Amino acid sequence: MRRLANVLVLIVAVGVLYGMQQTKPRFGELTAPIPVYGKMHDKVHTREFDATLDQVIFARQLDFTQYGEKKTLTTSGLWVIVTAQLAATTSSTSVAAATWLGPTGLKFTTSGRIGWAPGMPPHLLAPGLPKKVRFIFETTPDQMNGATLVLSGKIEPALDSEARISIDDIKTFNDGQPLVVDSYDPLRPLTGT
């Protein structure tokens, strides 16, 4: 009888340990970024910076003059041009990572095809000096409606907050499809602060 009780206690202990192992949070979950959610035109407060998403424009191609040379960039999908205002909260910081998160979970990082230009990332911020900035992505047409802009101070924002701003105020046609312009100049001056 005593052996049966010991075997039963051992089976229960193994079951409890297995259950604890399967339900504990994984390392990635423990060190994941802390999302701060917001909408377009609302100020989203993260630990290091505040972000206000002002405008989203979809374009078929980018036309601009850089270093005296006219350039046209095309893509197999669409260009997404996001204009936002960023401000450091308490100390100097930067916004180094931006991701266009589509409604199906596809992630698109900022396009590096334009090269360095004023208003493009990474964005260095100082407290009390808000800055108007631009992020440019290449995406597919099915990833426009219901997307989210994700902004972080670090490329790998472990154990830090990140802004997740829903794209909910874009110009659309009567059928609900977003308005797409034929051409956009990504180097045009940013107006405002």
N, C-alpha and C. Protein backbone atom coordinates (compact mmCIF):
# COMPACT_ATOMS: atom_id res chain seq x y z
N MET A 1 0.82 -1.19 0.00
CA MET A 1 0.00 0.00 0.00
C MET A 1 0.87 1.27 0.00
N ARG A 2 1.97 1.20 0.77
CA ARG A 2 2.85 2.34 0.87
C ARG A 2 3.50 2.62 -0.50
N ARG A 3 3.90 1.58 -1.23
CA ARG A 3 4.51 1.76 -2.54
C ARG A 3 3.51 2.40 -3.50
N LEU A 4 2.28 1.97 -3.43
CA LEU A 4 1.24 2.53 -4.30
C LEU A 4 1.05 4.03 -4.01
N ALA A 5 1.09 4.40 -2.73
CA ALA A 5 0.94 5.81 -2.35
C ALA A 5 2.13 6.61 -2.86
N ASN A 6 3.36 6.07 -2.75
CA ASN A 6 4.55 6.77 -3.24
C ASN A 6 4.50 6.96 -4.76
N VAL A 7 4.08 5.92 -5.47
CA VAL A 7 3.96 6.01 -6.92
C VAL A 7 2.90 7.05 -7.30
N LEU A 8 1.80 7.06 -6.58
CA LEU A 8 0.73 8.04 -6.84
C LEU A 8 1.21 9.47 -6.59
N VAL A 9 1.96 9.69 -5.50
CA VAL A 9 2.51 11.01 -5.20
C VAL A 9 3.51 11.42 -6.29
N LEU A 10 4.32 10.49 -6.75
CA LEU A 10 5.28 10.77 -7.80
C LEU A 10 4.58 11.16 -9.10
N ILE A 11 3.52 10.47 -9.47
CA ILE A 11 2.76 10.78 -10.69
C ILE A 11 2.12 12.16 -10.58
N VAL A 12 1.55 12.47 -9.42
CA VAL A 12 0.95 13.80 -9.22
C VAL A 12 2.01 14.89 -9.29
N ALA A 13 3.19 14.65 -8.69
CA ALA A 13 4.27 15.64 -8.72
C ALA A 13 4.76 15.87 -10.15
N VAL A 14 4.92 14.80 -10.92
CA VAL A 14 5.33 14.94 -12.31
C VAL A 14 4.27 15.71 -13.09
N GLY A 15 3.00 15.43 -12.87
CA GLY A 15 1.91 16.14 -13.55
C GLY A 15 1.91 17.63 -13.21
N VAL A 16 2.13 17.96 -11.94
CA VAL A 16 2.16 19.37 -11.52
C VAL A 16 3.36 20.08 -12.15
N LEU A 17 4.53 19.46 -12.12
CA LEU A 17 5.72 20.07 -12.71
C LEU A 17 5.55 20.26 -14.22
N TYR A 18 4.98 19.28 -14.89
CA TYR A 18 4.74 19.40 -16.33
C TYR A 18 3.76 20.56 -16.62
N GLY A 19 2.71 20.65 -15.81
CA GLY A 19 1.75 21.75 -15.98
C GLY A 19 2.39 23.11 -15.75
N MET A 20 3.27 23.20 -14.75
CA MET A 20 3.96 24.46 -14.49
C MET A 20 4.89 24.81 -15.66
N GLN A 21 5.56 23.80 -16.21
CA GLN A 21 6.46 24.05 -17.32
C GLN A 21 5.70 24.55 -18.55
N GLN A 22 4.55 24.00 -18.83
CA GLN A 22 3.80 24.36 -20.02
C GLN A 22 3.09 25.70 -19.90
N THR A 23 2.79 26.14 -18.69
CA THR A 23 2.04 27.39 -18.52
C THR A 23 2.91 28.58 -18.15
N LYS A 24 4.20 28.36 -17.90
CA LYS A 24 5.07 29.49 -17.55
C LYS A 24 5.31 30.36 -18.78
N PRO A 25 5.52 31.65 -18.59
CA PRO A 25 5.81 32.51 -19.74
C PRO A 25 7.19 32.20 -20.31
N ARG A 26 7.31 32.27 -21.61
CA ARG A 26 8.58 32.04 -22.29
C ARG A 26 9.46 33.29 -22.17
N PHE A 27 10.74 33.13 -22.47
CA PHE A 27 11.69 34.24 -22.36
C PHE A 27 11.27 35.41 -23.23
N GLY A 28 10.82 35.11 -24.45
CA GLY A 28 10.38 36.16 -25.36
C GLY A 28 9.20 36.94 -24.82
N GLU A 29 8.31 36.27 -24.10
CA GLU A 29 7.17 36.96 -23.50
C GLU A 29 7.60 37.81 -22.31
N LEU A 30 8.58 37.34 -21.55
CA LEU A 30 9.04 38.09 -20.38
C LEU A 30 9.80 39.36 -20.78
N THR A 31 10.50 39.32 -21.91
CA THR A 31 11.31 40.47 -22.33
C THR A 31 10.69 41.22 -23.50
N ALA A 32 9.46 40.93 -23.84
CA ALA A 32 8.79 41.57 -24.98
C ALA A 32 8.57 43.05 -24.72
N PRO A 33 8.45 43.84 -25.78
CA PRO A 33 8.15 45.27 -25.59
C PRO A 33 6.77 45.45 -24.97
N ILE A 34 6.61 46.57 -24.29
CA ILE A 34 5.35 46.90 -23.63
C ILE A 34 4.58 47.83 -24.56
N PRO A 35 3.50 47.35 -25.19
CA PRO A 35 2.79 48.19 -26.16
C PRO A 35 1.95 49.28 -25.50
N VAL A 36 1.98 50.45 -26.10
CA VAL A 36 1.13 51.57 -25.71
C VAL A 36 0.27 51.87 -26.93
N TYR A 37 -1.04 51.70 -26.81
CA TYR A 37 -1.94 51.79 -27.96
C TYR A 37 -2.52 53.19 -28.10
N GLY A 38 -2.77 53.59 -29.35
CA GLY A 38 -3.37 54.88 -29.62
C GLY A 38 -3.96 54.91 -31.02
N LYS A 39 -4.56 56.05 -31.34
CA LYS A 39 -5.17 56.27 -32.66
C LYS A 39 -4.48 57.44 -33.33
N MET A 40 -4.75 57.58 -34.64
CA MET A 40 -4.21 58.72 -35.38
C MET A 40 -4.69 60.02 -34.73
N HIS A 41 -3.85 61.02 -34.75
CA HIS A 41 -4.11 62.37 -34.25
C HIS A 41 -4.12 62.45 -32.72
N ASP A 42 -4.01 61.32 -32.01
CA ASP A 42 -3.91 61.33 -30.55
C ASP A 42 -2.44 61.23 -30.15
N LYS A 43 -2.07 61.90 -29.06
CA LYS A 43 -0.70 61.79 -28.57
C LYS A 43 -0.56 60.49 -27.80
N VAL A 44 0.39 59.67 -28.22
CA VAL A 44 0.66 58.39 -27.57
C VAL A 44 1.92 58.56 -26.73
N HIS A 45 1.81 58.29 -25.42
CA HIS A 45 2.91 58.50 -24.48
C HIS A 45 3.62 57.17 -24.21
N THR A 46 4.88 57.07 -24.62
CA THR A 46 5.71 55.93 -24.22
C THR A 46 6.67 56.41 -23.15
N ARG A 47 7.51 55.53 -22.67
CA ARG A 47 8.43 55.90 -21.59
C ARG A 47 9.43 56.97 -22.04
N GLU A 48 9.93 56.87 -23.28
CA GLU A 48 10.99 57.78 -23.73
C GLU A 48 10.53 58.88 -24.68
N PHE A 49 9.39 58.68 -25.36
CA PHE A 49 8.96 59.68 -26.34
C PHE A 49 7.44 59.69 -26.46
N ASP A 50 6.95 60.81 -27.00
CA ASP A 50 5.53 60.95 -27.35
C ASP A 50 5.44 60.96 -28.87
N ALA A 51 4.38 60.36 -29.39
CA ALA A 51 4.20 60.31 -30.84
C ALA A 51 2.76 60.68 -31.20
N THR A 52 2.61 61.51 -32.22
CA THR A 52 1.31 61.86 -32.77
C THR A 52 1.36 61.63 -34.27
N LEU A 53 0.56 60.71 -34.75
CA LEU A 53 0.54 60.39 -36.18
C LEU A 53 -0.42 61.36 -36.86
N ASP A 54 0.10 62.16 -37.78
CA ASP A 54 -0.69 63.21 -38.43
C ASP A 54 -1.36 62.76 -39.72
N GLN A 55 -0.59 62.10 -40.60
CA GLN A 55 -1.10 61.85 -41.95
C GLN A 55 -0.49 60.58 -42.53
N VAL A 56 -1.29 59.87 -43.33
CA VAL A 56 -0.81 58.70 -44.07
C VAL A 56 -1.21 58.90 -45.53
N ILE A 57 -0.24 58.78 -46.43
CA ILE A 57 -0.48 58.94 -47.86
C ILE A 57 0.00 57.66 -48.56
N PHE A 58 -0.79 57.18 -49.50
CA PHE A 58 -0.41 56.02 -50.31
C PHE A 58 -0.09 56.52 -51.72
N ALA A 59 1.02 56.03 -52.29
CA ALA A 59 1.44 56.49 -53.62
C ALA A 59 1.94 55.32 -54.45
N ARG A 60 1.78 55.46 -55.77
CA ARG A 60 2.25 54.43 -56.70
C ARG A 60 3.75 54.54 -56.96
N GLN A 61 4.28 55.79 -56.95
CA GLN A 61 5.71 55.97 -57.16
C GLN A 61 6.17 57.21 -56.41
N LEU A 62 7.48 57.29 -56.19
CA LEU A 62 8.10 58.44 -55.55
C LEU A 62 8.95 59.16 -56.58
N ASP A 63 8.73 60.46 -56.74
CA ASP A 63 9.51 61.30 -57.66
C ASP A 63 10.16 62.40 -56.85
N PHE A 64 11.49 62.52 -56.94
CA PHE A 64 12.19 63.54 -56.16
C PHE A 64 13.54 63.85 -56.81
N THR A 65 14.12 64.96 -56.37
CA THR A 65 15.45 65.36 -56.81
C THR A 65 16.38 65.26 -55.62
N GLN A 66 17.44 64.47 -55.78
CA GLN A 66 18.39 64.28 -54.69
C GLN A 66 19.80 64.50 -55.24
N TYR A 67 20.54 65.44 -54.62
CA TYR A 67 21.90 65.78 -55.05
C TYR A 67 21.92 66.21 -56.52
N GLY A 68 20.88 66.95 -56.94
CA GLY A 68 20.81 67.48 -58.29
C GLY A 68 20.37 66.47 -59.34
N GLU A 69 20.03 65.27 -58.93
CA GLU A 69 19.63 64.23 -59.88
C GLU A 69 18.17 63.85 -59.64
N LYS A 70 17.39 63.83 -60.73
CA LYS A 70 15.97 63.44 -60.62
C LYS A 70 15.88 61.93 -60.50
N LYS A 71 15.06 61.48 -59.56
CA LYS A 71 14.89 60.04 -59.32
C LYS A 71 13.42 59.68 -59.29
N THR A 72 13.11 58.49 -59.77
CA THR A 72 11.77 57.93 -59.69
C THR A 72 11.91 56.52 -59.12
N LEU A 73 11.24 56.28 -58.02
CA LEU A 73 11.25 54.95 -57.41
C LEU A 73 9.87 54.33 -57.55
N THR A 74 9.84 53.13 -58.07
CA THR A 74 8.59 52.39 -58.19
C THR A 74 8.67 51.17 -57.27
N THR A 75 7.53 50.55 -57.06
CA THR A 75 7.47 49.36 -56.23
C THR A 75 6.39 48.44 -56.79
N SER A 76 6.47 47.17 -56.49
CA SER A 76 5.46 46.23 -56.98
C SER A 76 4.15 46.36 -56.20
N GLY A 77 4.19 47.04 -55.07
CA GLY A 77 2.99 47.28 -54.27
C GLY A 77 2.66 48.76 -54.25
N LEU A 78 2.64 49.32 -53.06
CA LEU A 78 2.38 50.75 -52.88
C LEU A 78 3.38 51.33 -51.89
N TRP A 79 3.65 52.62 -52.06
CA TRP A 79 4.44 53.35 -51.08
C TRP A 79 3.49 53.89 -50.02
N VAL A 80 3.92 53.83 -48.78
CA VAL A 80 3.17 54.42 -47.67
C VAL A 80 4.05 55.49 -47.05
N ILE A 81 3.54 56.72 -47.03
CA ILE A 81 4.28 57.83 -46.45
C ILE A 81 3.54 58.28 -45.20
N VAL A 82 4.20 58.16 -44.06
CA VAL A 82 3.60 58.48 -42.77
C VAL A 82 4.28 59.73 -42.23
N THR A 83 3.49 60.73 -41.86
CA THR A 83 4.01 61.94 -41.24
C THR A 83 3.55 61.95 -39.78
N ALA A 84 4.51 62.19 -38.89
CA ALA A 84 4.20 62.16 -37.45
C ALA A 84 4.98 63.25 -36.74
N GLN A 85 4.56 63.53 -35.52
CA GLN A 85 5.29 64.45 -34.67
C GLN A 85 5.80 63.67 -33.48
N LEU A 86 7.11 63.79 -33.19
CA LEU A 86 7.74 63.08 -32.09
C LEU A 86 8.33 64.08 -31.12
N ALA A 87 8.36 63.72 -29.84
CA ALA A 87 8.97 64.56 -28.82
C ALA A 87 9.51 63.67 -27.70
N ALA A 88 10.72 63.97 -27.25
CA ALA A 88 11.30 63.24 -26.13
C ALA A 88 10.56 63.63 -24.86
N THR A 89 10.45 62.70 -23.92
CA THR A 89 9.71 62.99 -22.69
C THR A 89 10.59 63.64 -21.63
N THR A 90 11.63 62.96 -21.16
CA THR A 90 12.43 63.50 -20.06
C THR A 90 13.90 63.68 -20.40
N SER A 91 14.43 62.92 -21.34
CA SER A 91 15.83 63.04 -21.72
C SER A 91 15.97 62.81 -23.22
N SER A 92 17.11 63.18 -23.74
CA SER A 92 17.34 62.99 -25.18
C SER A 92 17.26 61.51 -25.53
N THR A 93 16.65 61.23 -26.67
CA THR A 93 16.45 59.85 -27.10
C THR A 93 16.37 59.82 -28.61
N SER A 94 16.07 58.67 -29.15
CA SER A 94 15.87 58.55 -30.58
C SER A 94 14.75 57.56 -30.84
N VAL A 95 14.16 57.68 -32.02
CA VAL A 95 13.20 56.68 -32.50
C VAL A 95 13.91 56.00 -33.66
N ALA A 96 14.35 54.78 -33.41
CA ALA A 96 15.19 54.08 -34.37
C ALA A 96 14.44 53.07 -35.21
N ALA A 97 13.28 52.62 -34.75
CA ALA A 97 12.58 51.56 -35.47
C ALA A 97 11.13 51.94 -35.72
N ALA A 98 10.70 51.69 -36.95
CA ALA A 98 9.30 51.90 -37.32
C ALA A 98 8.87 50.71 -38.17
N THR A 99 7.67 50.20 -37.89
CA THR A 99 7.15 49.04 -38.61
C THR A 99 5.71 49.30 -39.00
N TRP A 100 5.38 48.97 -40.25
CA TRP A 100 3.99 49.00 -40.72
C TRP A 100 3.46 47.58 -40.50
N LEU A 101 2.53 47.43 -39.58
CA LEU A 101 1.96 46.13 -39.25
C LEU A 101 0.61 46.01 -39.94
N GLY A 102 0.56 45.16 -40.96
CA GLY A 102 -0.66 45.00 -41.74
C GLY A 102 -1.75 44.28 -40.97
N PRO A 103 -2.99 44.31 -41.47
CA PRO A 103 -4.11 43.70 -40.75
C PRO A 103 -3.99 42.18 -40.64
N THR A 104 -3.19 41.54 -41.50
CA THR A 104 -3.01 40.09 -41.44
C THR A 104 -1.78 39.70 -40.63
N GLY A 105 -1.07 40.69 -40.07
CA GLY A 105 0.11 40.41 -39.26
C GLY A 105 1.42 40.54 -40.01
N LEU A 106 1.38 40.84 -41.32
CA LEU A 106 2.63 41.05 -42.06
C LEU A 106 3.30 42.33 -41.58
N LYS A 107 4.62 42.29 -41.45
CA LYS A 107 5.38 43.44 -40.97
C LYS A 107 6.26 43.98 -42.09
N PHE A 108 6.26 45.32 -42.23
CA PHE A 108 7.08 46.00 -43.22
C PHE A 108 7.90 47.06 -42.50
N THR A 109 9.24 46.98 -42.61
CA THR A 109 10.09 48.00 -42.00
C THR A 109 10.26 49.16 -42.98
N THR A 110 10.80 50.25 -42.49
CA THR A 110 10.98 51.42 -43.35
C THR A 110 11.89 51.10 -44.52
N SER A 111 11.57 51.70 -45.64
CA SER A 111 12.33 51.46 -46.86
C SER A 111 13.64 52.23 -46.81
N GLY A 112 14.71 51.59 -47.20
CA GLY A 112 16.01 52.24 -47.24
C GLY A 112 16.40 52.66 -48.64
N ARG A 113 15.49 52.57 -49.59
CA ARG A 113 15.81 52.86 -50.99
C ARG A 113 16.03 54.34 -51.27
N ILE A 114 15.51 55.21 -50.43
CA ILE A 114 15.67 56.65 -50.66
C ILE A 114 17.05 57.11 -50.21
N GLY A 115 17.61 56.44 -49.23
CA GLY A 115 18.89 56.88 -48.68
C GLY A 115 18.65 57.92 -47.60
N TRP A 116 19.73 58.59 -47.20
CA TRP A 116 19.58 59.60 -46.15
C TRP A 116 18.92 60.83 -46.73
N ALA A 117 17.95 61.37 -46.00
CA ALA A 117 17.28 62.60 -46.39
C ALA A 117 16.74 63.27 -45.13
N PRO A 118 16.56 64.58 -45.15
CA PRO A 118 16.00 65.26 -43.99
C PRO A 118 14.62 64.71 -43.64
N GLY A 119 14.36 64.54 -42.35
CA GLY A 119 13.07 64.05 -41.90
C GLY A 119 12.93 62.54 -41.90
N MET A 120 13.99 61.81 -42.29
CA MET A 120 13.94 60.36 -42.35
C MET A 120 14.64 59.76 -41.12
N PRO A 121 14.29 58.51 -40.75
CA PRO A 121 14.87 57.90 -39.55
C PRO A 121 16.35 57.58 -39.72
N PRO A 122 17.08 57.44 -38.61
CA PRO A 122 16.63 57.52 -37.22
C PRO A 122 16.42 58.97 -36.80
N HIS A 123 15.49 59.18 -35.90
CA HIS A 123 15.12 60.52 -35.46
C HIS A 123 15.66 60.77 -34.06
N LEU A 124 16.55 61.77 -33.95
CA LEU A 124 17.10 62.15 -32.66
C LEU A 124 16.20 63.21 -32.04
N LEU A 125 15.84 63.00 -30.77
CA LEU A 125 14.87 63.88 -30.11
C LEU A 125 15.47 64.45 -28.83
N ALA A 126 15.07 65.69 -28.53
CA ALA A 126 15.47 66.35 -27.29
C ALA A 126 14.21 66.84 -26.59
N PRO A 127 14.19 66.80 -25.25
CA PRO A 127 13.00 67.25 -24.51
C PRO A 127 12.67 68.70 -24.83
N GLY A 128 11.40 69.00 -24.99
CA GLY A 128 10.93 70.34 -25.25
C GLY A 128 11.07 70.79 -26.70
N LEU A 129 11.60 69.93 -27.58
CA LEU A 129 11.76 70.27 -28.98
C LEU A 129 11.07 69.23 -29.86
N PRO A 130 9.75 69.34 -30.02
CA PRO A 130 9.06 68.37 -30.87
C PRO A 130 9.56 68.47 -32.31
N LYS A 131 9.48 67.35 -33.00
CA LYS A 131 10.02 67.28 -34.36
C LYS A 131 9.01 66.60 -35.27
N LYS A 132 8.78 67.21 -36.44
CA LYS A 132 7.93 66.62 -37.48
C LYS A 132 8.81 65.68 -38.29
N VAL A 133 8.36 64.43 -38.47
CA VAL A 133 9.19 63.42 -39.14
C VAL A 133 8.37 62.66 -40.17
N ARG A 134 9.09 61.85 -40.95
CA ARG A 134 8.45 61.07 -42.00
C ARG A 134 9.00 59.64 -41.95
N PHE A 135 8.11 58.67 -42.17
CA PHE A 135 8.49 57.27 -42.32
C PHE A 135 7.93 56.79 -43.65
N ILE A 136 8.73 56.05 -44.42
CA ILE A 136 8.28 55.57 -45.73
C ILE A 136 8.43 54.05 -45.78
N PHE A 137 7.34 53.40 -46.19
CA PHE A 137 7.29 51.94 -46.27
C PHE A 137 6.89 51.53 -47.68
N GLU A 138 7.23 50.29 -48.04
CA GLU A 138 6.71 49.65 -49.24
C GLU A 138 5.83 48.51 -48.76
N THR A 139 4.57 48.50 -49.21
CA THR A 139 3.64 47.47 -48.75
C THR A 139 2.78 46.99 -49.91
N THR A 140 1.97 46.02 -49.65
CA THR A 140 1.04 45.51 -50.67
C THR A 140 -0.33 46.14 -50.45
N PRO A 141 -1.14 46.26 -51.49
CA PRO A 141 -2.44 46.92 -51.35
C PRO A 141 -3.37 46.29 -50.32
N ASP A 142 -3.26 44.99 -50.09
CA ASP A 142 -4.15 44.34 -49.11
C ASP A 142 -3.74 44.60 -47.67
N GLN A 143 -2.62 45.30 -47.44
CA GLN A 143 -2.15 45.58 -46.09
C GLN A 143 -2.36 47.05 -45.69
N MET A 144 -3.30 47.73 -46.36
CA MET A 144 -3.52 49.15 -46.09
C MET A 144 -4.61 49.37 -45.05
N ASN A 145 -5.80 48.84 -45.29
CA ASN A 145 -6.92 49.05 -44.37
C ASN A 145 -6.70 48.25 -43.09
N GLY A 146 -6.84 48.90 -41.94
CA GLY A 146 -6.72 48.22 -40.66
C GLY A 146 -5.30 48.00 -40.21
N ALA A 147 -4.34 48.76 -40.73
CA ALA A 147 -2.93 48.60 -40.35
C ALA A 147 -2.62 49.34 -39.06
N THR A 148 -1.43 49.07 -38.53
CA THR A 148 -0.95 49.71 -37.30
C THR A 148 0.49 50.15 -37.52
N LEU A 149 0.82 51.35 -37.05
CA LEU A 149 2.20 51.83 -37.09
C LEU A 149 2.82 51.55 -35.73
N VAL A 150 3.97 50.88 -35.73
CA VAL A 150 4.68 50.55 -34.50
C VAL A 150 5.98 51.34 -34.46
N LEU A 151 6.16 52.15 -33.41
CA LEU A 151 7.36 52.98 -33.25
C LEU A 151 8.07 52.59 -31.96
N SER A 152 9.39 52.42 -32.03
CA SER A 152 10.18 52.12 -30.84
C SER A 152 11.46 52.90 -30.82
N GLY A 153 11.95 53.11 -29.61
CA GLY A 153 13.21 53.82 -29.44
C GLY A 153 14.40 52.99 -29.84
N LYS A 154 14.25 51.67 -29.78
CA LYS A 154 15.36 50.77 -30.11
C LYS A 154 14.91 49.81 -31.20
N ILE A 155 15.86 49.26 -31.93
CA ILE A 155 15.52 48.29 -32.96
C ILE A 155 14.96 47.03 -32.32
N GLU A 156 15.53 46.61 -31.19
CA GLU A 156 15.00 45.48 -30.41
C GLU A 156 14.52 46.05 -29.08
N PRO A 157 13.25 46.45 -28.97
CA PRO A 157 12.80 47.17 -27.76
C PRO A 157 12.44 46.26 -26.59
N ALA A 158 13.32 45.32 -26.23
CA ALA A 158 13.04 44.43 -25.10
C ALA A 158 12.90 45.25 -23.82
N LEU A 159 11.89 44.91 -23.04
CA LEU A 159 11.63 45.53 -21.74
C LEU A 159 11.47 47.04 -21.82
N ASP A 160 10.97 47.53 -22.93
CA ASP A 160 10.74 48.96 -23.09
C ASP A 160 9.40 49.15 -23.79
N SER A 161 8.85 50.35 -23.70
CA SER A 161 7.55 50.59 -24.32
C SER A 161 7.71 50.93 -25.80
N GLU A 162 6.67 50.63 -26.57
CA GLU A 162 6.62 50.98 -27.98
C GLU A 162 5.22 51.49 -28.29
N ALA A 163 5.14 52.46 -29.21
CA ALA A 163 3.85 53.03 -29.60
C ALA A 163 3.24 52.16 -30.70
N ARG A 164 1.96 51.83 -30.54
CA ARG A 164 1.21 51.09 -31.56
C ARG A 164 0.01 51.95 -31.92
N ILE A 165 0.10 52.61 -33.07
CA ILE A 165 -0.92 53.58 -33.47
C ILE A 165 -1.75 52.99 -34.60
N SER A 166 -3.06 52.87 -34.37
CA SER A 166 -3.93 52.30 -35.41
C SER A 166 -4.17 53.34 -36.49
N ILE A 167 -4.12 52.87 -37.73
CA ILE A 167 -4.33 53.73 -38.90
C ILE A 167 -5.83 53.74 -39.16
N ASP A 168 -6.51 54.73 -38.60
CA ASP A 168 -7.97 54.72 -38.65
C ASP A 168 -8.58 55.97 -39.27
N ASP A 169 -7.75 56.87 -39.81
CA ASP A 169 -8.28 58.10 -40.39
C ASP A 169 -7.55 58.39 -41.70
N ILE A 170 -7.84 57.58 -42.72
CA ILE A 170 -7.23 57.79 -44.03
C ILE A 170 -8.31 58.15 -45.04
N LYS A 171 -7.91 58.91 -46.05
CA LYS A 171 -8.87 59.29 -47.09
C LYS A 171 -9.22 58.07 -47.92
N THR A 172 -10.52 57.85 -48.13
CA THR A 172 -10.97 56.68 -48.89
C THR A 172 -11.95 57.08 -49.98
N PHE A 173 -12.11 56.18 -50.94
CA PHE A 173 -13.14 56.33 -51.96
C PHE A 173 -14.47 55.86 -51.37
N ASN A 174 -15.56 56.00 -52.14
CA ASN A 174 -16.87 55.58 -51.67
C ASN A 174 -16.93 54.09 -51.36
N ASP A 175 -16.11 53.28 -52.04
CA ASP A 175 -16.12 51.84 -51.80
C ASP A 175 -15.26 51.42 -50.60
N GLY A 176 -14.66 52.40 -49.90
CA GLY A 176 -13.87 52.11 -48.71
C GLY A 176 -12.40 51.88 -48.98
N GLN A 177 -11.99 51.86 -50.25
CA GLN A 177 -10.58 51.68 -50.58
C GLN A 177 -9.83 52.99 -50.38
N PRO A 178 -8.62 52.93 -49.84
CA PRO A 178 -7.84 54.15 -49.60
C PRO A 178 -7.51 54.89 -50.89
N LEU A 179 -7.45 56.19 -50.80
CA LEU A 179 -7.06 57.05 -51.91
C LEU A 179 -5.56 56.86 -52.17
N VAL A 180 -5.19 56.60 -53.41
CA VAL A 180 -3.80 56.41 -53.79
C VAL A 180 -3.43 57.47 -54.81
N VAL A 181 -2.36 58.25 -54.52
CA VAL A 181 -1.90 59.26 -55.46
C VAL A 181 -0.90 58.62 -56.42
N ASP A 182 -0.79 59.18 -57.62
CA ASP A 182 0.12 58.61 -58.61
C ASP A 182 1.58 58.85 -58.26
N SER A 183 1.89 60.05 -57.74
CA SER A 183 3.28 60.40 -57.47
C SER A 183 3.37 61.22 -56.19
N TYR A 184 4.46 61.05 -55.47
CA TYR A 184 4.67 61.81 -54.23
C TYR A 184 6.16 62.14 -54.13
N ASP A 185 6.45 63.36 -53.66
CA ASP A 185 7.84 63.79 -53.43
C ASP A 185 8.15 63.60 -51.95
N PRO A 186 8.94 62.57 -51.59
CA PRO A 186 9.22 62.31 -50.18
C PRO A 186 10.19 63.31 -49.54
N LEU A 187 10.80 64.16 -50.34
CA LEU A 187 11.74 65.13 -49.81
C LEU A 187 11.13 66.52 -49.67
N ARG A 188 9.85 66.64 -49.95
CA ARG A 188 9.22 67.96 -49.78
C ARG A 188 9.34 68.36 -48.31
N PRO A 189 9.47 69.66 -48.05
CA PRO A 189 9.65 70.11 -46.66
C PRO A 189 8.45 69.71 -45.80
N LEU A 190 8.76 69.35 -44.57
CA LEU A 190 7.72 69.05 -43.59
C LEU A 190 7.28 70.36 -42.97
N THR A 191 5.98 70.60 -42.99
CA THR A 191 5.48 71.86 -42.42
C THR A 191 5.15 71.64 -40.97
N GLY A 192 5.12 72.72 -40.21
CA GLY A 192 4.78 72.64 -38.80
C GLY A 192 6.02 72.48 -37.95
N THR A 193 5.80 72.17 -36.69
CA THR A 193 6.89 72.07 -35.73
C THR A 193 7.75 70.88 -36.00
